[in-house]
Amino acid sequence: MTHPSIRIILDEHRAVSAVLRSLMAMLERGPGDEPERFFDVVRAMLFYIDEFPERLHHPKESDLLFPKIALRVPSLMPVIERLERDHMGGEQAVRALQHLLLAWELLGEPRRAAFAEAAARYVGFYLEHMQIEEQQVLPAAERALDAQDWAALDAAFAAHRDPLASDGARDPAWDRLFTRIVLKAPAPIGVG
């Protein structure tokens, strides 16, 4: 049986992955004849990554999930330490991407390559990070954690669900962000 918190983590990973892959698809397409739309969509994608995964998803993993697993499965400590380093540098990395995007938007084409290279590195890093969690940490958690651990984790992860992964009602502010991304991004990324 998969616990609600694991389903939530996997749903949130899918939402983040979709945004990251869409970011790369947008980058491959480039601004074309609609640079305002392009930069608006990419900026919204980076804002989402900064706002939800970095500020809400990662702290729950770092503060609640990882300590429980480290206690019960000490052999995973090197993996958890690596994931923690990733979490600690994540917010700074996405902020650096936002700055590089702004430089490209304001200073033009000479700044495109710096953003493209940093974005590719970031997306690769982030996808690998989620894969490690899904292949090593979550299976260990399912084997090692007890009912009391799961009750605490399930409550914490249910309290702040990813607005792009949630199947329930979203906050109107997040609906605006989601709509902005989907309606302004060109097909097949969005419907714009």
C-alpha atoms as a PDB file:
ATOM      1  CA  MET A   1       0.000   0.000   0.000  1.00  0.00           C
ATOM      2  CA  THR A   2       1.343   3.378  -0.943  1.00  0.00           C
ATOM      3  CA  HIS A   3       0.964   5.976   1.778  1.00  0.00           C
ATOM      4  CA  PRO A   4      -0.769   9.291   0.998  1.00  0.00           C
ATOM      5  CA  SER A   5       2.437  11.264   1.561  1.00  0.00           C
ATOM      6  CA  ILE A   6       4.303   9.133  -0.996  1.00  0.00           C
ATOM      7  CA  ARG A   7       1.501   9.641  -3.528  1.00  0.00           C
ATOM      8  CA  ILE A   8       1.676  13.387  -2.853  1.00  0.00           C
ATOM      9  CA  ILE A   9       5.470  13.446  -3.280  1.00  0.00           C
ATOM     10  CA  LEU A  10       5.220  11.512  -6.554  1.00  0.00           C
ATOM     11  CA  ASP A  11       2.417  13.788  -7.818  1.00  0.00           C
ATOM     12  CA  GLU A  12       4.472  16.848  -6.927  1.00  0.00           C
ATOM     13  CA  HIS A  13       7.519  15.380  -8.649  1.00  0.00           C
ATOM     14  CA  ARG A  14       5.435  14.823 -11.797  1.00  0.00           C
ATOM     15  CA  ALA A  15       4.223  18.436 -11.718  1.00  0.00           C
ATOM     16  CA  VAL A  16       7.751  19.797 -11.245  1.00  0.00           C
ATOM     17  CA  SER A  17       9.061  17.487 -13.956  1.00  0.00           C
ATOM     18  CA  ALA A  18       6.376  18.685 -16.374  1.00  0.00           C
ATOM     19  CA  VAL A  19       7.319  22.310 -15.718  1.00  0.00           C
ATOM     20  CA  LEU A  20      11.039  21.568 -16.113  1.00  0.00           C
ATOM     21  CA  ARG A  21      10.514  19.693 -19.379  1.00  0.00           C
ATOM     22  CA  SER A  22       8.227  22.470 -20.613  1.00  0.00           C
ATOM     23  CA  LEU A  23      10.899  24.996 -19.716  1.00  0.00           C
ATOM     24  CA  MET A  24      13.382  23.117 -21.919  1.00  0.00           C
ATOM     25  CA  ALA A  25      10.825  22.864 -24.728  1.00  0.00           C
ATOM     26  CA  MET A  26      10.244  26.615 -24.502  1.00  0.00           C
ATOM     27  CA  LEU A  27      13.965  27.198 -24.644  1.00  0.00           C
ATOM     28  CA  GLU A  28      14.304  24.984 -27.734  1.00  0.00           C
ATOM     29  CA  ARG A  29      11.589  27.001 -29.459  1.00  0.00           C
ATOM     30  CA  GLY A  30      13.037  30.316 -28.367  1.00  0.00           C
ATOM     31  CA  PRO A  31      11.263  33.659 -28.318  1.00  0.00           C
ATOM     32  CA  GLY A  32      10.517  33.723 -32.040  1.00  0.00           C
ATOM     33  CA  ASP A  33       8.262  36.602 -33.029  1.00  0.00           C
ATOM     34  CA  GLU A  34       6.700  36.846 -29.566  1.00  0.00           C
ATOM     35  CA  PRO A  35       9.496  37.599 -27.083  1.00  0.00           C
ATOM     36  CA  GLU A  36       7.134  39.151 -24.517  1.00  0.00           C
ATOM     37  CA  ARG A  37       5.032  35.991 -24.384  1.00  0.00           C
ATOM     38  CA  PHE A  38       8.114  33.761 -24.290  1.00  0.00           C
ATOM     39  CA  PHE A  39       9.791  35.596 -21.411  1.00  0.00           C
ATOM     40  CA  ASP A  40       6.496  35.877 -19.520  1.00  0.00           C
ATOM     41  CA  VAL A  41       5.921  32.111 -19.674  1.00  0.00           C
ATOM     42  CA  VAL A  42       9.498  31.181 -18.764  1.00  0.00           C
ATOM     43  CA  ARG A  43       9.483  33.699 -15.907  1.00  0.00           C
ATOM     44  CA  ALA A  44       6.207  32.183 -14.622  1.00  0.00           C
ATOM     45  CA  MET A  45       7.721  28.677 -14.773  1.00  0.00           C
ATOM     46  CA  LEU A  46      10.769  29.747 -12.779  1.00  0.00           C
ATOM     47  CA  PHE A  47       8.563  31.578 -10.284  1.00  0.00           C
ATOM     48  CA  TYR A  48       6.553  28.382  -9.713  1.00  0.00           C
ATOM     49  CA  ILE A  49       9.750  26.378  -9.115  1.00  0.00           C
ATOM     50  CA  ASP A  50      11.027  28.983  -6.685  1.00  0.00           C
ATOM     51  CA  GLU A  51       7.697  29.404  -4.928  1.00  0.00           C
ATOM     52  CA  PHE A  52       6.442  25.861  -4.416  1.00  0.00           C
ATOM     53  CA  PRO A  53       9.131  23.157  -4.628  1.00  0.00           C
ATOM     54  CA  GLU A  54      11.862  25.268  -3.072  1.00  0.00           C
ATOM     55  CA  ARG A  55       9.795  26.829  -0.289  1.00  0.00           C
ATOM     56  CA  LEU A  56       7.259  24.120   0.604  1.00  0.00           C
ATOM     57  CA  HIS A  57       8.099  20.715  -0.907  1.00  0.00           C
ATOM     58  CA  HIS A  58      11.802  20.535  -0.044  1.00  0.00           C
ATOM     59  CA  PRO A  59      11.435  21.739   3.571  1.00  0.00           C
ATOM     60  CA  LYS A  60       8.909  18.964   4.272  1.00  0.00           C
ATOM     61  CA  GLU A  61      11.330  16.382   2.894  1.00  0.00           C
ATOM     62  CA  SER A  62      14.304  17.889   4.739  1.00  0.00           C
ATOM     63  CA  ASP A  63      12.568  18.509   8.058  1.00  0.00           C
ATOM     64  CA  LEU A  64      10.271  15.498   8.274  1.00  0.00           C
ATOM     65  CA  LEU A  65      10.985  12.673   5.835  1.00  0.00           C
ATOM     66  CA  PHE A  66      14.783  12.591   5.704  1.00  0.00           C
ATOM     67  CA  PRO A  67      15.373  12.609   9.496  1.00  0.00           C
ATOM     68  CA  LYS A  68      12.972   9.684   9.962  1.00  0.00           C
ATOM     69  CA  ILE A  69      14.688   7.680   7.239  1.00  0.00           C
ATOM     70  CA  ALA A  70      18.178   8.550   8.504  1.00  0.00           C
ATOM     71  CA  LEU A  71      17.185   7.274  11.926  1.00  0.00           C
ATOM     72  CA  ARG A  72      15.744   3.993  10.637  1.00  0.00           C
ATOM     73  CA  VAL A  73      18.065   3.360   7.659  1.00  0.00           C
ATOM     74  CA  PRO A  74      21.485   4.810   8.590  1.00  0.00           C
ATOM     75  CA  SER A  75      23.060   3.267   5.488  1.00  0.00           C
ATOM     76  CA  LEU A  76      21.165   5.882   3.430  1.00  0.00           C
ATOM     77  CA  MET A  77      22.882   8.770   5.208  1.00  0.00           C
ATOM     78  CA  PRO A  78      25.268   9.559   2.291  1.00  0.00           C
ATOM     79  CA  VAL A  79      22.280   9.751  -0.074  1.00  0.00           C
ATOM     80  CA  ILE A  80      20.316  11.933   2.338  1.00  0.00           C
ATOM     81  CA  GLU A  81      23.316  14.222   2.813  1.00  0.00           C
ATOM     82  CA  ARG A  82      23.579  14.646  -0.959  1.00  0.00           C
ATOM     83  CA  LEU A  83      19.857  15.402  -1.258  1.00  0.00           C
ATOM     84  CA  GLU A  84      20.158  17.909   1.583  1.00  0.00           C
ATOM     85  CA  ARG A  85      23.010  19.680  -0.218  1.00  0.00           C
ATOM     86  CA  ASP A  86      20.784  19.779  -3.306  1.00  0.00           C
ATOM     87  CA  HIS A  87      17.956  21.312  -1.282  1.00  0.00           C
ATOM     88  CA  MET A  88      20.264  23.862   0.298  1.00  0.00           C
ATOM     89  CA  GLY A  89      21.508  25.049  -3.098  1.00  0.00           C
ATOM     90  CA  GLY A  90      18.205  24.830  -4.945  1.00  0.00           C
ATOM     91  CA  GLU A  91      16.782  28.219  -4.094  1.00  0.00           C
ATOM     92  CA  GLN A  92      20.026  29.969  -5.006  1.00  0.00           C
ATOM     93  CA  ALA A  93      20.196  28.042  -8.296  1.00  0.00           C
ATOM     94  CA  VAL A  94      16.671  28.992  -9.377  1.00  0.00           C
ATOM     95  CA  ARG A  95      17.292  32.611  -8.400  1.00  0.00           C
ATOM     96  CA  ALA A  96      20.447  32.597 -10.535  1.00  0.00           C
ATOM     97  CA  LEU A  97      18.349  31.279 -13.436  1.00  0.00           C
ATOM     98  CA  GLN A  98      15.823  34.062 -12.935  1.00  0.00           C
ATOM     99  CA  HIS A  99      18.661  36.593 -13.091  1.00  0.00           C
ATOM    100  CA  LEU A 100      20.121  35.026 -16.242  1.00  0.00           C
ATOM    101  CA  LEU A 101      16.691  35.082 -17.871  1.00  0.00           C
ATOM    102  CA  LEU A 102      16.272  38.756 -17.027  1.00  0.00           C
ATOM    103  CA  ALA A 103      19.726  39.481 -18.457  1.00  0.00           C
ATOM    104  CA  TRP A 104      18.753  37.735 -21.705  1.00  0.00           C
ATOM    105  CA  GLU A 105      15.443  39.580 -21.860  1.00  0.00           C
ATOM    106  CA  LEU A 106      16.930  43.019 -21.169  1.00  0.00           C
ATOM    107  CA  LEU A 107      20.355  42.730 -22.784  1.00  0.00           C
ATOM    108  CA  GLY A 108      19.466  40.551 -25.731  1.00  0.00           C
ATOM    109  CA  GLU A 109      20.781  37.606 -27.660  1.00  0.00           C
ATOM    110  CA  PRO A 110      24.388  37.721 -26.348  1.00  0.00           C
ATOM    111  CA  ARG A 111      22.991  36.580 -22.978  1.00  0.00           C
ATOM    112  CA  ARG A 112      20.945  33.667 -24.363  1.00  0.00           C
ATOM    113  CA  ALA A 113      23.688  31.015 -24.202  1.00  0.00           C
ATOM    114  CA  ALA A 114      24.409  31.638 -20.520  1.00  0.00           C
ATOM    115  CA  PHE A 115      20.752  31.125 -19.654  1.00  0.00           C
ATOM    116  CA  ALA A 116      20.402  28.067 -21.911  1.00  0.00           C
ATOM    117  CA  GLU A 117      23.459  26.354 -20.429  1.00  0.00           C
ATOM    118  CA  ALA A 118      22.446  27.103 -16.838  1.00  0.00           C
ATOM    119  CA  ALA A 119      18.863  25.972 -17.487  1.00  0.00           C
ATOM    120  CA  ALA A 120      20.018  22.666 -19.005  1.00  0.00           C
ATOM    121  CA  ARG A 121      22.304  22.019 -16.014  1.00  0.00           C
ATOM    122  CA  TYR A 122      19.550  22.918 -13.553  1.00  0.00           C
ATOM    123  CA  VAL A 123      16.925  20.729 -15.224  1.00  0.00           C
ATOM    124  CA  GLY A 124      19.339  17.777 -15.386  1.00  0.00           C
ATOM    125  CA  PHE A 125      20.289  18.255 -11.741  1.00  0.00           C
ATOM    126  CA  TYR A 126      16.673  18.515 -10.617  1.00  0.00           C
ATOM    127  CA  LEU A 127      15.450  15.483 -12.581  1.00  0.00           C
ATOM    128  CA  GLU A 128      18.319  13.406 -11.178  1.00  0.00           C
ATOM    129  CA  HIS A 129      17.531  14.647  -7.662  1.00  0.00           C
ATOM    130  CA  MET A 130      13.902  13.509  -7.925  1.00  0.00           C
ATOM    131  CA  GLN A 131      14.974  10.172  -9.411  1.00  0.00           C
ATOM    132  CA  ILE A 132      17.264   9.486  -6.440  1.00  0.00           C
ATOM    133  CA  GLU A 133      14.442  10.280  -4.027  1.00  0.00           C
ATOM    134  CA  GLU A 134      12.037   8.012  -5.909  1.00  0.00           C
ATOM    135  CA  GLN A 135      14.414   5.096  -6.402  1.00  0.00           C
ATOM    136  CA  GLN A 136      16.269   5.098  -3.085  1.00  0.00           C
ATOM    137  CA  VAL A 137      14.598   7.169  -0.387  1.00  0.00           C
ATOM    138  CA  LEU A 138      10.901   6.466  -0.909  1.00  0.00           C
ATOM    139  CA  PRO A 139      11.270   2.655  -1.163  1.00  0.00           C
ATOM    140  CA  ALA A 140      13.392   2.699   2.007  1.00  0.00           C
ATOM    141  CA  ALA A 141      10.743   4.802   3.724  1.00  0.00           C
ATOM    142  CA  GLU A 142       8.003   2.345   2.770  1.00  0.00           C
ATOM    143  CA  ARG A 143      10.019  -0.517   4.247  1.00  0.00           C
ATOM    144  CA  ALA A 144      11.302   1.167   7.400  1.00  0.00           C
ATOM    145  CA  LEU A 145       8.800   3.718   8.707  1.00  0.00           C
ATOM    146  CA  ASP A 146       6.020   2.810  11.115  1.00  0.00           C
ATOM    147  CA  ALA A 147       2.371   3.878  11.358  1.00  0.00           C
ATOM    148  CA  GLN A 148       3.155   6.823  13.634  1.00  0.00           C
ATOM    149  CA  ASP A 149       5.789   8.100  11.192  1.00  0.00           C
ATOM    150  CA  TRP A 150       3.337   7.814   8.299  1.00  0.00           C
ATOM    151  CA  ALA A 151       0.579   9.605  10.188  1.00  0.00           C
ATOM    152  CA  ALA A 152       2.860  12.600  10.794  1.00  0.00           C
ATOM    153  CA  LEU A 153       4.175  12.598   7.218  1.00  0.00           C
ATOM    154  CA  ASP A 154       0.717  12.203   5.677  1.00  0.00           C
ATOM    155  CA  ALA A 155      -0.626  15.149   7.681  1.00  0.00           C
ATOM    156  CA  ALA A 156       2.336  17.381   6.813  1.00  0.00           C
ATOM    157  CA  PHE A 157       2.352  16.613   3.100  1.00  0.00           C
ATOM    158  CA  ALA A 158      -1.426  16.988   2.822  1.00  0.00           C
ATOM    159  CA  ALA A 159      -1.277  20.426   4.465  1.00  0.00           C
ATOM    160  CA  HIS A 160       0.536  22.148   1.563  1.00  0.00           C
ATOM    161  CA  ARG A 161      -0.099  20.376  -1.726  1.00  0.00           C
ATOM    162  CA  ASP A 162       1.522  21.483  -4.949  1.00  0.00           C
ATOM    163  CA  PRO A 163      -1.094  23.636  -6.663  1.00  0.00           C
ATOM    164  CA  LEU A 164      -0.180  22.242 -10.086  1.00  0.00           C
ATOM    165  CA  ALA A 165      -0.348  18.639  -8.866  1.00  0.00           C
ATOM    166  CA  SER A 166      -3.457  18.963  -6.705  1.00  0.00           C
ATOM    167  CA  ASP A 167      -6.649  17.457  -7.950  1.00  0.00           C
ATOM    168  CA  GLY A 168      -8.758  19.535  -5.587  1.00  0.00           C
ATOM    169  CA  ALA A 169      -9.642  23.220  -5.583  1.00  0.00           C
ATOM    170  CA  ARG A 170      -6.698  25.542  -6.033  1.00  0.00           C
ATOM    171  CA  ASP A 171      -6.062  28.922  -4.542  1.00  0.00           C
ATOM    172  CA  PRO A 172      -7.138  31.539  -7.122  1.00  0.00           C
ATOM    173  CA  ALA A 173      -3.618  33.010  -7.134  1.00  0.00           C
ATOM    174  CA  TRP A 174      -2.187  29.656  -8.220  1.00  0.00           C
ATOM    175  CA  ASP A 175      -4.953  29.291 -10.788  1.00  0.00           C
ATOM    176  CA  ARG A 176      -3.794  32.581 -12.320  1.00  0.00           C
ATOM    177  CA  LEU A 177      -0.219  31.317 -12.501  1.00  0.00           C
ATOM    178  CA  PHE A 178      -1.250  27.953 -13.957  1.00  0.00           C
ATOM    179  CA  THR A 179      -3.519  29.682 -16.483  1.00  0.00           C
ATOM    180  CA  ARG A 180      -0.766  32.108 -17.436  1.00  0.00           C
ATOM    181  CA  ILE A 181       1.630  29.257 -18.191  1.00  0.00           C
ATOM    182  CA  VAL A 182      -0.857  27.081 -20.044  1.00  0.00           C
ATOM    183  CA  LEU A 183      -2.595  29.813 -22.042  1.00  0.00           C
ATOM    184  CA  LYS A 184       0.537  31.705 -23.045  1.00  0.00           C
ATOM    185  CA  ALA A 185       2.842  28.787 -23.779  1.00  0.00           C
ATOM    186  CA  PRO A 186       2.666  27.693 -27.416  1.00  0.00           C
ATOM    187  CA  ALA A 187       1.400  24.222 -28.309  1.00  0.00           C
ATOM    188  CA  PRO A 188       2.289  21.503 -27.513  1.00  0.00           C
ATOM    189  CA  ILE A 189       3.540  22.966 -24.209  1.00  0.00           C
ATOM    190  CA  GLY A 190       0.337  24.912 -23.655  1.00  0.00           C
ATOM    191  CA  VAL A 191      -2.567  26.054 -25.746  1.00  0.00           C
ATOM    192  CA  GLY A 192      -1.324  29.556 -26.610  1.00  0.00           C
END
